[in-house]
Each structure stands twice: as C-alpha cells, then as structure tokens.
PDB file of N, CA and C in Angstrom:
ATOM      1  N   MET A   1     109.675 114.364  98.203  1.00  0.00           N
ATOM      2  CA  MET A   1     107.788 113.614  98.025  1.00  0.00           C
ATOM      3  C   MET A   1     107.084 113.239  98.864  1.00  0.00           C
ATOM      4  N   ALA A   2     107.594 113.137  99.611  1.00  0.00           N
ATOM      5  CA  ALA A   2     106.352 112.349 100.482  1.00  0.00           C
ATOM      6  C   ALA A   2     105.717 112.867 101.632  1.00  0.00           C
ATOM      7  N   LYS A   3     105.692 114.341 102.051  1.00  0.00           N
ATOM      8  CA  LYS A   3     104.623 114.944 101.929  1.00  0.00           C
ATOM      9  C   LYS A   3     103.628 114.441 101.292  1.00  0.00           C
ATOM     10  N   PRO A   4     103.717 115.183 100.346  1.00  0.00           N
ATOM     11  CA  PRO A   4     102.966 115.231  99.129  1.00  0.00           C
ATOM     12  C   PRO A   4     101.718 114.042  99.048  1.00  0.00           C
ATOM     13  N   THR A   5     102.596 112.759  98.944  1.00  0.00           N
ATOM     14  CA  THR A   5     102.425 110.611  99.148  1.00  0.00           C
ATOM     15  C   THR A   5     101.616 110.511 100.489  1.00  0.00           C
ATOM     16  N   ILE A   6     101.785 111.657 101.051  1.00  0.00           N
ATOM     17  CA  ILE A   6     100.872 111.290 102.540  1.00  0.00           C
ATOM     18  C   ILE A   6      99.439 111.592 102.305  1.00  0.00           C
ATOM     19  N   GLY A   7     100.014 112.972 101.732  1.00  0.00           N
ATOM     20  CA  GLY A   7      98.093 113.421 101.788  1.00  0.00           C
ATOM     21  C   GLY A   7      97.941 113.183 100.646  1.00  0.00           C
ATOM     22  N   PHE A   8      98.182 112.681  99.364  1.00  0.00           N
ATOM     23  CA  PHE A   8      97.394 111.849  98.455  1.00  0.00           C
ATOM     24  C   PHE A   8      97.048 110.654  98.762  1.00  0.00           C
ATOM     25  N   GLY A   9      97.640 109.738 100.077  1.00  0.00           N
ATOM     26  CA  GLY A   9      96.939 108.705 100.539  1.00  0.00           C
ATOM     27  C   GLY A   9      95.417 109.329 101.372  1.00  0.00           C
ATOM     28  N   ILE A  10      95.496 109.848 101.938  1.00  0.00           N
ATOM     29  CA  ILE A  10      94.800 110.485 103.438  1.00  0.00           C
ATOM     30  C   ILE A  10      93.653 110.783 101.901  1.00  0.00           C
ATOM     31  N   LEU A  11      93.820 111.999 100.806  1.00  0.00           N
ATOM     32  CA  LEU A  11      92.388 112.034 100.251  1.00  0.00           C
ATOM     33  C   LEU A  11      92.168 111.262  99.705  1.00  0.00           C
ATOM     34  N   LEU A  12      92.581 109.188  99.157  1.00  0.00           N
ATOM     35  CA  LEU A  12      92.072 108.784  98.679  1.00  0.00           C
ATOM     36  C   LEU A  12      91.356 108.043 100.037  1.00  0.00           C
ATOM     37  N   THR A  13      91.484 107.924 100.921  1.00  0.00           N
ATOM     38  CA  THR A  13      91.171 107.145 101.982  1.00  0.00           C
ATOM     39  C   THR A  13      89.774 107.885 102.071  1.00  0.00           C
ATOM     40  N   LEU A  14      89.576 109.474 102.160  1.00  0.00           N
ATOM     41  CA  LEU A  14      88.526 109.503 102.385  1.00  0.00           C
ATOM     42  C   LEU A  14      87.389 109.529 101.522  1.00  0.00           C
ATOM     43  N   ILE A  15      88.291 110.095 100.116  1.00  0.00           N
ATOM     44  CA  ILE A  15      86.945 109.234  98.718  1.00  0.00           C
ATOM     45  C   ILE A  15      86.653 107.964  99.045  1.00  0.00           C
ATOM     46  N   GLY A  16      87.512 107.195  99.682  1.00  0.00           N
ATOM     47  CA  GLY A  16      86.430 105.622  98.755  1.00  0.00           C
ATOM     48  C   GLY A  16      85.903 105.757 100.659  1.00  0.00           C
ATOM     49  N   ILE A  17      85.746 106.709 101.981  1.00  0.00           N
ATOM     50  CA  ILE A  17      85.350 106.824 102.816  1.00  0.00           C
ATOM     51  C   ILE A  17      83.669 106.835 102.425  1.00  0.00           C
ATOM     52  N   VAL A  18      84.346 108.288 101.860  1.00  0.00           N
ATOM     53  CA  VAL A  18      82.628 108.729 101.248  1.00  0.00           C
ATOM     54  C   VAL A  18      81.918 108.452 100.537  1.00  0.00           C
ATOM     55  N   GLY A  19      82.954 107.996  99.721  1.00  0.00           N
ATOM     56  CA  GLY A  19      82.038 106.910  98.247  1.00  0.00           C
ATOM     57  C   GLY A  19      81.651 105.942  98.918  1.00  0.00           C
ATOM     58  N   PHE A  20      81.788 105.386  99.857  1.00  0.00           N
ATOM     59  CA  PHE A  20      81.165 103.855 100.555  1.00  0.00           C
ATOM     60  C   PHE A  20      79.930 104.637 101.739  1.00  0.00           C
ATOM     61  N   VAL A  21      80.066 105.454 102.083  1.00  0.00           N
ATOM     62  CA  VAL A  21      78.705 106.153 102.973  1.00  0.00           C
ATOM     63  C   VAL A  21      78.280 106.847 102.080  1.00  0.00           C
ATOM     64  N   GLY A  22      78.469 107.380 100.661  1.00  0.00           N
ATOM     65  CA  GLY A  22      77.065 107.862 100.099  1.00  0.00           C
ATOM     66  C   GLY A  22      76.402 107.253  98.905  1.00  0.00           C
ATOM     67  N   THR A  23      76.647 105.822  98.875  1.00  0.00           N
ATOM     68  CA  THR A  23      76.643 104.511  98.119  1.00  0.00           C
ATOM     69  C   THR A  23      75.130 103.588  98.821  1.00  0.00           C
ATOM     70  N   GLY A  24      75.452 104.125  99.911  1.00  0.00           N
ATOM     71  CA  GLY A  24      74.054 103.752 101.301  1.00  0.00           C
ATOM     72  C   GLY A  24      75.208 102.745 102.411  1.00  0.00           C
ATOM     73  N   ALA A  25      76.203 101.998 101.548  1.00  0.00           N
ATOM     74  CA  ALA A  25      77.159 101.554 102.410  1.00  0.00           C
ATOM     75  C   ALA A  25      76.662 100.147 102.373  1.00  0.00           C
ATOM     76  N   SER A  26      76.379  99.900 100.925  1.00  0.00           N
ATOM     77  CA  SER A  26      76.062  98.411 100.976  1.00  0.00           C
ATOM     78  C   SER A  26      76.408  98.697 100.027  1.00  0.00           C
ATOM     79  N   HIS A  27      78.017  99.107  99.130  1.00  0.00           N
ATOM     80  CA  HIS A  27      78.620  98.028  98.179  1.00  0.00           C
ATOM     81  C   HIS A  27      80.122  98.548  98.768  1.00  0.00           C
ATOM     82  N   PRO A  28      81.052  97.668  99.192  1.00  0.00           N
ATOM     83  CA  PRO A  28      81.715  97.217  99.570  1.00  0.00           C
ATOM     84  C   PRO A  28      83.610  97.560  99.102  1.00  0.00           C
ATOM     85  N   THR A  29      82.851  97.602  97.676  1.00  0.00           N
ATOM     86  CA  THR A  29      83.892  98.003  96.128  1.00  0.00           C
ATOM     87  C   THR A  29      83.662  99.453  96.547  1.00  0.00           C
ATOM     88  N   ALA A  30      83.164 100.207  97.029  1.00  0.00           N
ATOM     89  CA  ALA A  30      83.429 101.778  96.793  1.00  0.00           C
ATOM     90  C   ALA A  30      84.319 102.069  97.640  1.00  0.00           C
ATOM     91  N   LEU A  31      85.338 100.544  98.495  1.00  0.00           N
ATOM     92  CA  LEU A  31      85.520 101.079  99.367  1.00  0.00           C
ATOM     93  C   LEU A  31      87.411 100.774  98.470  1.00  0.00           C
ATOM     94  N   ILE A  32      87.082 100.902  97.870  1.00  0.00           N
ATOM     95  CA  ILE A  32      88.717 100.416  97.000  1.00  0.00           C
ATOM     96  C   ILE A  32      89.686 101.264  96.549  1.00  0.00           C
ATOM     97  N   PRO A  33      89.125 102.388  96.617  1.00  0.00           N
ATOM     98  CA  PRO A  33      90.109 103.458  96.365  1.00  0.00           C
ATOM     99  C   PRO A  33      90.720 104.323  97.999  1.00  0.00           C
ATOM    100  N   ALA A  34      89.737 103.906  99.297  1.00  0.00           N
ATOM    101  CA  ALA A  34      89.925 103.746 100.073  1.00  0.00           C
ATOM    102  C   ALA A  34      91.000 102.971 100.883  1.00  0.00           C
ATOM    103  N   PHE A  35      91.693 101.375  99.797  1.00  0.00           N
ATOM    104  CA  PHE A  35      91.982 100.125 100.184  1.00  0.00           C
ATOM    105  C   PHE A  35      93.672 100.907  99.593  1.00  0.00           C
ATOM    106  N   PHE A  36      92.732 102.205  98.536  1.00  0.00           N
ATOM    107  CA  PHE A  36      94.266 102.184  97.836  1.00  0.00           C
ATOM    108  C   PHE A  36      95.137 102.820  98.405  1.00  0.00           C
ATOM    109  N   GLY A  37      94.342 103.839  99.034  1.00  0.00           N
ATOM    110  CA  GLY A  37      94.475 105.824 100.006  1.00  0.00           C
ATOM    111  C   GLY A  37      95.826 105.083 100.846  1.00  0.00           C
ATOM    112  N   ILE A  38      94.850 103.647 101.866  1.00  0.00           N
ATOM    113  CA  ILE A  38      96.088 103.679 103.219  1.00  0.00           C
ATOM    114  C   ILE A  38      97.369 103.402 102.686  1.00  0.00           C
ATOM    115  N   LEU A  39      97.353 102.089 101.383  1.00  0.00           N
ATOM    116  CA  LEU A  39      98.686 101.827 101.660  1.00  0.00           C
ATOM    117  C   LEU A  39      99.685 102.864  99.998  1.00  0.00           C
ATOM    118  N   ILE A  40      99.391 104.070  99.877  1.00  0.00           N
ATOM    119  CA  ILE A  40      99.979 105.105  99.302  1.00  0.00           C
ATOM    120  C   ILE A  40     100.539 105.629 100.462  1.00  0.00           C
ATOM    121  N   LEU A  41      98.850 106.614 101.299  1.00  0.00           N
ATOM    122  CA  LEU A  41      99.641 106.574 102.639  1.00  0.00           C
ATOM    123  C   LEU A  41     101.146 105.518 103.071  1.00  0.00           C
ATOM    124  N   ILE A  42     101.496 104.620 104.199  1.00  0.00           N
ATOM    125  CA  ILE A  42     101.780 104.107 104.545  1.00  0.00           C
ATOM    126  C   ILE A  42     103.607 103.844 103.665  1.00  0.00           C
ATOM    127  N   ALA A  43     103.000 104.150 101.920  1.00  0.00           N
ATOM    128  CA  ALA A  43     103.796 104.713 101.384  1.00  0.00           C
ATOM    129  C   ALA A  43     105.042 105.666 101.719  1.00  0.00           C
ATOM    130  N   GLY A  44     103.941 106.407 101.607  1.00  0.00           N
ATOM    131  CA  GLY A  44     104.259 107.664 102.345  1.00  0.00           C
ATOM    132  C   GLY A  44     104.833 108.144 103.679  1.00  0.00           C
ATOM    133  N   ILE A  45     104.861 107.475 104.517  1.00  0.00           N
ATOM    134  CA  ILE A  45     105.158 107.302 106.068  1.00  0.00           C
ATOM    135  C   ILE A  45     106.513 106.413 105.719  1.00  0.00           C
ATOM    136  N   LEU A  46     106.643 105.350 105.190  1.00  0.00           N
ATOM    137  CA  LEU A  46     107.699 104.997 104.887  1.00  0.00           C
ATOM    138  C   LEU A  46     108.665 106.049 104.226  1.00  0.00           C
ATOM    139  N   ALA A  47     108.642 106.747 103.534  1.00  0.00           N
ATOM    140  CA  ALA A  47     109.324 107.332 101.837  1.00  0.00           C
ATOM    141  C   ALA A  47     109.934 108.712 102.792  1.00  0.00           C
ATOM    142  N   GLN A  48     109.494 108.943 104.108  1.00  0.00           N
ATOM    143  CA  GLN A  48     110.344 109.857 104.860  1.00  0.00           C
ATOM    144  C   GLN A  48     111.519 109.376 105.562  1.00  0.00           C
ATOM    145  N   ASP A  49     112.008 108.539 105.445  1.00  0.00           N
ATOM    146  CA  ASP A  49     113.010 107.654 105.713  1.00  0.00           C
ATOM    147  C   ASP A  49     113.871 107.696 104.695  1.00  0.00           C
ATOM    148  N   GLU A  50     114.717 108.857 104.684  1.00  0.00           N
ATOM    149  CA  GLU A  50     115.328 108.505 103.377  1.00  0.00           C
ATOM    150  C   GLU A  50     116.578 108.128 102.960  1.00  0.00           C
ATOM    151  N   ALA A  51     116.265 105.840 103.121  1.00  0.00           N
ATOM    152  CA  ALA A  51     117.007 104.855 102.789  1.00  0.00           C
ATOM    153  C   ALA A  51     116.542 104.652 101.870  1.00  0.00           C
ATOM    154  N   ARG A  52     114.791 104.825 102.760  1.00  0.00           N
ATOM    155  CA  ARG A  52     113.493 104.043 101.994  1.00  0.00           C
ATOM    156  C   ARG A  52     112.366 105.716 100.926  1.00  0.00           C
ATOM    157  N   ARG A  53     112.710 106.200 100.406  1.00  0.00           N
ATOM    158  CA  ARG A  53     112.711 106.524 100.495  1.00  0.00           C
ATOM    159  C   ARG A  53     112.016 106.529  98.173  1.00  0.00           C
ATOM    160  N   LYS A  54     113.328 106.164  97.997  1.00  0.00           N
ATOM    161  CA  LYS A  54     113.190 106.228  96.694  1.00  0.00           C
ATOM    162  C   LYS A  54     112.112 104.893  96.517  1.00  0.00           C
ATOM    163  N   HIS A  55     111.973 103.810  97.141  1.00  0.00           N
ATOM    164  CA  HIS A  55     111.753 102.849  96.818  1.00  0.00           C
ATOM    165  C   HIS A  55     109.829 102.656  96.946  1.00  0.00           C
ATOM    166  N   ALA A  56     109.578 104.057  98.081  1.00  0.00           N
ATOM    167  CA  ALA A  56     108.884 103.837  98.378  1.00  0.00           C
ATOM    168  C   ALA A  56     107.287 104.933  98.309  1.00  0.00           C
ATOM    169  N   ILE A  57     108.120 105.866  97.210  1.00  0.00           N
ATOM    170  CA  ILE A  57     107.434 106.707  95.840  1.00  0.00           C
ATOM    171  C   ILE A  57     107.327 106.161  94.996  1.00  0.00           C
ATOM    172  N   HIS A  58     108.180 104.944  94.829  1.00  0.00           N
ATOM    173  CA  HIS A  58     108.286 103.942  93.815  1.00  0.00           C
ATOM    174  C   HIS A  58     106.847 103.823  93.439  1.00  0.00           C
ATOM    175  N   GLY A  59     106.474 102.739  94.483  1.00  0.00           N
ATOM    176  CA  GLY A  59     105.837 101.424  95.187  1.00  0.00           C
ATOM    177  C   GLY A  59     104.320 102.359  95.229  1.00  0.00           C
ATOM    178  N   ALA A  60     104.951 104.078  95.546  1.00  0.00           N
ATOM    179  CA  ALA A  60     102.846 104.558  95.812  1.00  0.00           C
ATOM    180  C   ALA A  60     102.604 104.874  94.521  1.00  0.00           C
ATOM    181  N   LEU A  61     103.374 105.004  93.652  1.00  0.00           N
ATOM    182  CA  LEU A  61     104.035 105.593  92.327  1.00  0.00           C
ATOM    183  C   LEU A  61     103.135 104.021  91.274  1.00  0.00           C
ATOM    184  N   GLY A  62     103.557 103.372  91.645  1.00  0.00           N
ATOM    185  CA  GLY A  62     102.402 102.152  91.105  1.00  0.00           C
ATOM    186  C   GLY A  62     101.060 102.352  91.698  1.00  0.00           C
ATOM    187  N   LEU A  63     100.902 101.857  92.712  1.00  0.00           N
ATOM    188  CA  LEU A  63      99.537 101.236  93.265  1.00  0.00           C
ATOM    189  C   LEU A  63      98.762 102.836  92.335  1.00  0.00           C
ATOM    190  N   ALA A  64      99.589 104.178  92.635  1.00  0.00           N
ATOM    191  CA  ALA A  64      98.396 105.357  91.460  1.00  0.00           C
ATOM    192  C   ALA A  64      98.331 104.798  90.612  1.00  0.00           C
ATOM    193  N   LEU A  65      98.821 104.102  90.082  1.00  0.00           N
ATOM    194  CA  LEU A  65      98.693 103.831  87.944  1.00  0.00           C
ATOM    195  C   LEU A  65      97.329 102.547  87.958  1.00  0.00           C
ATOM    196  N   LEU A  66      97.427 101.632  89.268  1.00  0.00           N
ATOM    197  CA  LEU A  66      96.945 100.549  89.117  1.00  0.00           C
ATOM    198  C   LEU A  66      95.252 101.520  89.803  1.00  0.00           C
ATOM    199  N   CYS A  67      95.549 102.440  90.540  1.00  0.00           N
ATOM    200  CA  CYS A  67      94.128 102.777  90.461  1.00  0.00           C
ATOM    201  C   CYS A  67      93.933 103.936  89.803  1.00  0.00           C
ATOM    202  N   PHE A  68      94.512 104.441  89.140  1.00  0.00           N
ATOM    203  CA  PHE A  68      93.790 105.359  88.029  1.00  0.00           C
ATOM    204  C   PHE A  68      93.414 104.546  86.745  1.00  0.00           C
ATOM    205  N   LEU A  69      93.624 103.131  86.073  1.00  0.00           N
ATOM    206  CA  LEU A  69      93.669 102.422  85.314  1.00  0.00           C
ATOM    207  C   LEU A  69      91.993 101.219  85.674  1.00  0.00           C
ATOM    208  N   GLY A  70      92.301 101.309  86.579  1.00  0.00           N
ATOM    209  CA  GLY A  70      90.593 100.760  87.478  1.00  0.00           C
ATOM    210  C   GLY A  70      89.471 101.693  87.237  1.00  0.00           C
ATOM    211  N   SER A  71      89.936 103.204  87.657  1.00  0.00           N
ATOM    212  CA  SER A  71      89.071 104.167  87.959  1.00  0.00           C
ATOM    213  C   SER A  71      88.267 104.583  86.270  1.00  0.00           C
ATOM    214  N   ALA A  72      89.745 104.384  85.624  1.00  0.00           N
ATOM    215  CA  ALA A  72      89.392 104.909  83.783  1.00  0.00           C
ATOM    216  C   ALA A  72      88.837 105.091  83.664  1.00  0.00           C
ATOM    217  N   ILE A  73      89.441 103.581  83.250  1.00  0.00           N
ATOM    218  CA  ILE A  73      89.301 101.693  82.252  1.00  0.00           C
ATOM    219  C   ILE A  73      87.230 101.783  82.389  1.00  0.00           C
ATOM    220  N   LYS A  74      86.860 101.593  81.431  1.00  0.00           N
ATOM    221  CA  LYS A  74      85.083 101.958  81.519  1.00  0.00           C
ATOM    222  C   LYS A  74      85.357 100.165  81.320  1.00  0.00           C
ATOM    223  N   MET A  75      84.280  99.190  81.699  1.00  0.00           N
ATOM    224  CA  MET A  75      83.710  98.188  81.703  1.00  0.00           C
ATOM    225  C   MET A  75      83.011  98.034  80.652  1.00  0.00           C
ATOM    226  N   PRO A  76      83.259  97.642  79.451  1.00  0.00           N
ATOM    227  CA  PRO A  76      81.223  97.342  78.716  1.00  0.00           C
ATOM    228  C   PRO A  76      80.172  97.310  79.422  1.00  0.00           C
ATOM    229  N   THR A  77      80.616  95.866  80.100  1.00  0.00           N
ATOM    230  CA  THR A  77      78.794  95.988  80.622  1.00  0.00           C
ATOM    231  C   THR A  77      79.159  96.016  82.048  1.00  0.00           C
ATOM    232  N   HIS A  78      80.030  96.975  82.814  1.00  0.00           N
ATOM    233  CA  HIS A  78      80.031  98.045  84.057  1.00  0.00           C
ATOM    234  C   HIS A  78      78.908  99.446  83.613  1.00  0.00           C
ATOM    235  N   ARG A  79      77.695  99.502  84.732  1.00  0.00           N
ATOM    236  CA  ARG A  79      77.281 100.422  84.835  1.00  0.00           C
ATOM    237  C   ARG A  79      77.295 100.080  86.577  1.00  0.00           C
ATOM    238  N   ALA A  80      77.531 102.006  86.811  1.00  0.00           N
ATOM    239  CA  ALA A  80      78.041 102.287  88.511  1.00  0.00           C
ATOM    240  C   ALA A  80      75.978 102.440  88.798  1.00  0.00           C
ATOM    241  N   PRO A  81      76.155 101.595  90.051  1.00  0.00           N
ATOM    242  CA  PRO A  81      74.349 101.304  91.015  1.00  0.00           C
ATOM    243  C   PRO A  81      73.987 102.675  90.903  1.00  0.00           C
ATOM    244  N   ASN A  82      74.609 103.896  91.344  1.00  0.00           N
ATOM    245  CA  ASN A  82      74.114 105.259  90.980  1.00  0.00           C
ATOM    246  C   ASN A  82      75.184 106.238  90.964  1.00  0.00           C
ATOM    247  N   PRO A  83      74.316 106.989  91.250  1.00  0.00           N
ATOM    248  CA  PRO A  83      75.798 108.400  90.692  1.00  0.00           C
ATOM    249  C   PRO A  83      76.687 108.649  90.852  1.00  0.00           C
ATOM    250  N   THR A  84      75.905 108.350  91.830  1.00  0.00           N
ATOM    251  CA  THR A  84      77.692 108.579  93.270  1.00  0.00           C
ATOM    252  C   THR A  84      78.652 108.055  93.055  1.00  0.00           C
ATOM    253  N   ALA A  85      78.223 106.660  93.024  1.00  0.00           N
ATOM    254  CA  ALA A  85      79.522 105.667  92.823  1.00  0.00           C
ATOM    255  C   ALA A  85      79.522 106.318  91.302  1.00  0.00           C
ATOM    256  N   GLU A  86      79.697 106.108  89.764  1.00  0.00           N
ATOM    257  CA  GLU A  86      79.994 106.542  89.448  1.00  0.00           C
ATOM    258  C   GLU A  86      80.691 108.834  89.547  1.00  0.00           C
ATOM    259  N   LEU A  87      80.493 108.851  90.154  1.00  0.00           N
ATOM    260  CA  LEU A  87      81.461 110.473  90.705  1.00  0.00           C
ATOM    261  C   LEU A  87      82.181 110.106  91.396  1.00  0.00           C
ATOM    262  N   ASP A  88      82.237 109.263  92.230  1.00  0.00           N
ATOM    263  CA  ASP A  88      83.142 108.555  93.422  1.00  0.00           C
ATOM    264  C   ASP A  88      84.343 108.078  92.225  1.00  0.00           C
ATOM    265  N   LYS A  89      84.348 107.499  91.264  1.00  0.00           N
ATOM    266  CA  LYS A  89      85.140 106.531  90.331  1.00  0.00           C
ATOM    267  C   LYS A  89      86.148 107.377  89.558  1.00  0.00           C
ATOM    268  N   HIS A  90      85.129 109.152  88.994  1.00  0.00           N
ATOM    269  CA  HIS A  90      85.675 110.347  88.164  1.00  0.00           C
ATOM    270  C   HIS A  90      86.618 110.023  88.971  1.00  0.00           C
ATOM    271  N   ILE A  91      86.527 111.137  90.062  1.00  0.00           N
ATOM    272  CA  ILE A  91      87.305 112.146  91.819  1.00  0.00           C
ATOM    273  C   ILE A  91      88.367 111.046  92.003  1.00  0.00           C
ATOM    274  N   THR A  92      88.133 109.724  91.794  1.00  0.00           N
ATOM    275  CA  THR A  92      89.063 108.913  92.207  1.00  0.00           C
ATOM    276  C   THR A  92      90.660 108.807  91.141  1.00  0.00           C
ATOM    277  N   ALA A  93      89.617 108.494  89.596  1.00  0.00           N
ATOM    278  CA  ALA A  93      90.228 108.680  87.614  1.00  0.00           C
ATOM    279  C   ALA A  93      91.620 109.954  88.395  1.00  0.00           C
ATOM    280  N   ALA A  94      90.572 111.264  88.559  1.00  0.00           N
ATOM    281  CA  ALA A  94      91.277 112.127  88.837  1.00  0.00           C
ATOM    282  C   ALA A  94      92.925 112.639  89.444  1.00  0.00           C
ATOM    283  N   VAL A  95      92.538 112.175  91.087  1.00  0.00           N
ATOM    284  CA  VAL A  95      93.102 112.096  91.825  1.00  0.00           C
ATOM    285  C   VAL A  95      94.590 111.045  91.880  1.00  0.00           C
ATOM    286  N   CYS A  96      94.118 110.301  90.882  1.00  0.00           N
ATOM    287  CA  CYS A  96      94.905 109.383  90.624  1.00  0.00           C
ATOM    288  C   CYS A  96      96.581 110.096  89.438  1.00  0.00           C
ATOM    289  N   LEU A  97      95.831 110.411  88.225  1.00  0.00           N
ATOM    290  CA  LEU A  97      96.542 111.023  87.708  1.00  0.00           C
ATOM    291  C   LEU A  97      97.604 112.450  88.104  1.00  0.00           C
ATOM    292  N   VAL A  98      96.539 112.895  88.726  1.00  0.00           N
ATOM    293  CA  VAL A  98      97.486 114.869  89.371  1.00  0.00           C
ATOM    294  C   VAL A  98      98.509 113.948  90.301  1.00  0.00           C
ATOM    295  N   TYR A  99      98.817 112.458  90.923  1.00  0.00           N
ATOM    296  CA  TYR A  99      99.435 112.191  92.168  1.00  0.00           C
ATOM    297  C   TYR A  99     100.828 111.380  90.810  1.00  0.00           C
ATOM    298  N   LEU A 100      99.944 111.544  89.796  1.00  0.00           N
ATOM    299  CA  LEU A 100     100.911 110.785  88.834  1.00  0.00           C
ATOM    300  C   LEU A 100     101.972 111.291  88.157  1.00  0.00           C
ATOM    301  N   ILE A 101     101.553 113.128  87.829  1.00  0.00           N
ATOM    302  CA  ILE A 101     101.496 113.805  87.012  1.00  0.00           C
ATOM    303  C   ILE A 101     102.955 114.217  88.114  1.00  0.00           C
ATOM    304  N   PHE A 102     102.682 114.610  88.627  1.00  0.00           N
ATOM    305  CA  PHE A 102     102.966 114.817  90.134  1.00  0.00           C
ATOM    306  C   PHE A 102     104.679 114.405  90.329  1.00  0.00           C
ATOM    307  N   GLY A 103     104.498 112.311  90.591  1.00  0.00           N
ATOM    308  CA  GLY A 103     105.396 112.172  90.851  1.00  0.00           C
ATOM    309  C   GLY A 103     106.632 111.845  89.285  1.00  0.00           C
ATOM    310  N   VAL A 104     106.008 111.810  88.673  1.00  0.00           N
ATOM    311  CA  VAL A 104     106.717 112.800  86.955  1.00  0.00           C
ATOM    312  C   VAL A 104     108.114 113.404  87.013  1.00  0.00           C
ATOM    313  N   ILE A 105     106.935 114.425  87.923  1.00  0.00           N
ATOM    314  CA  ILE A 105     107.749 116.121  87.212  1.00  0.00           C
ATOM    315  C   ILE A 105     108.721 115.329  87.932  1.00  0.00           C
ATOM    316  N   SER A 106     108.360 115.604  89.598  1.00  0.00           N
ATOM    317  CA  SER A 106     109.512 115.117  90.896  1.00  0.00           C
ATOM    318  C   SER A 106     110.842 114.299  90.401  1.00  0.00           C
ATOM    319  N   PHE A 107     110.201 113.293  89.541  1.00  0.00           N
ATOM    320  CA  PHE A 107     111.178 112.317  88.689  1.00  0.00           C
ATOM    321  C   PHE A 107     111.894 113.025  88.317  1.00  0.00           C
ATOM    322  N   VAL A 108     111.630 113.223  87.095  1.00  0.00           N
ATOM    323  CA  VAL A 108     112.364 114.408  86.483  1.00  0.00           C
ATOM    324  C   VAL A 108     112.769 115.355  86.638  1.00  0.00           C
ATOM    325  N   ASN A 109     113.015 116.147  87.843  1.00  0.00           N
ATOM    326  CA  ASN A 109     113.933 116.885  88.244  1.00  0.00           C
ATOM    327  C   ASN A 109     115.293 116.222  88.892  1.00  0.00           C
ATOM    328  N   ALA A 110     114.264 115.725  89.918  1.00  0.00           N
ATOM    329  CA  ALA A 110     115.610 114.355  90.220  1.00  0.00           C
ATOM    330  C   ALA A 110     116.528 114.193  89.905  1.00  0.00           C
ATOM    331  N   ARG A 111     116.199 113.090  88.547  1.00  0.00           N
ATOM    332  CA  ARG A 111     116.980 113.521  87.465  1.00  0.00           C
ATOM    333  C   ARG A 111     118.346 114.403  87.020  1.00  0.00           C
ATOM    334  N   ARG A 112     117.960 115.286  86.946  1.00  0.00           N
ATOM    335  CA  ARG A 112     118.461 116.938  86.192  1.00  0.00           C
ATOM    336  C   ARG A 112     119.459 117.188  86.982  1.00  0.00           C
ATOM    337  N   LYS A 113     118.615 117.220  88.832  1.00  0.00           N
ATOM    338  CA  LYS A 113     119.931 117.033  90.357  1.00  0.00           C
ATOM    339  C   LYS A 113     121.120 115.729  89.479  1.00  0.00           C
TER     340      LYS A 113
END
C-alpha cells in the first residue's frame, strides 16, 4: 500500500497545483489538495519502512478522509469562485474516495491473512 499512497499523494499535489493555476493563482485555498497530497506523499514514503508502515498508512487514510469530507461536503453559503474551482473540488473528492476504498480493501485483505 506504500506505492499507491505515494501515487495518490502525487496526484493530489498535482490537482492542487493545477487548480491553483486554473483559478488564476489568486485563491490560495485551491492549494489545499496539494497540502494534503504532500502529507500523504510523506506518509507513503515513511510506509516503505516495514516498522512504520501500519501507522503511516493509517495516517494517510485519515488525511484522505479529512480531505474527502472537506471536498465532498457542500457548505450552504459556499459558492465556488469559478467552474474550475468547483471541478477541482469534485476531482479531489473522487480521488480521495478511491484511495479510501483501496485502503479499506487493503486492510480487509491484511486482516484475512
């Protein structure tokens, strides 16, 4: 699960950067996925060590859950400044959900062993 975690971390980082540039580089909140992506990437790197794997992956999945909830929950007064920001938010939520599903499947398989 360490390599997929690194991949998802890189993907979230790219989503944040593209979203920031796509919104005219004027909304720093577009970098939130990149912040989570960097933290998940670090957890993936730490997870390559067998002794740290369990804690690192749990931490990465916790971060992904926070990122998913922050992206998927629509605040009643929140209006995205432009369609790029809204699309970025949906892509972030989808990527985090896929990663969470992979994580749960991985945990179930590990438990069965």
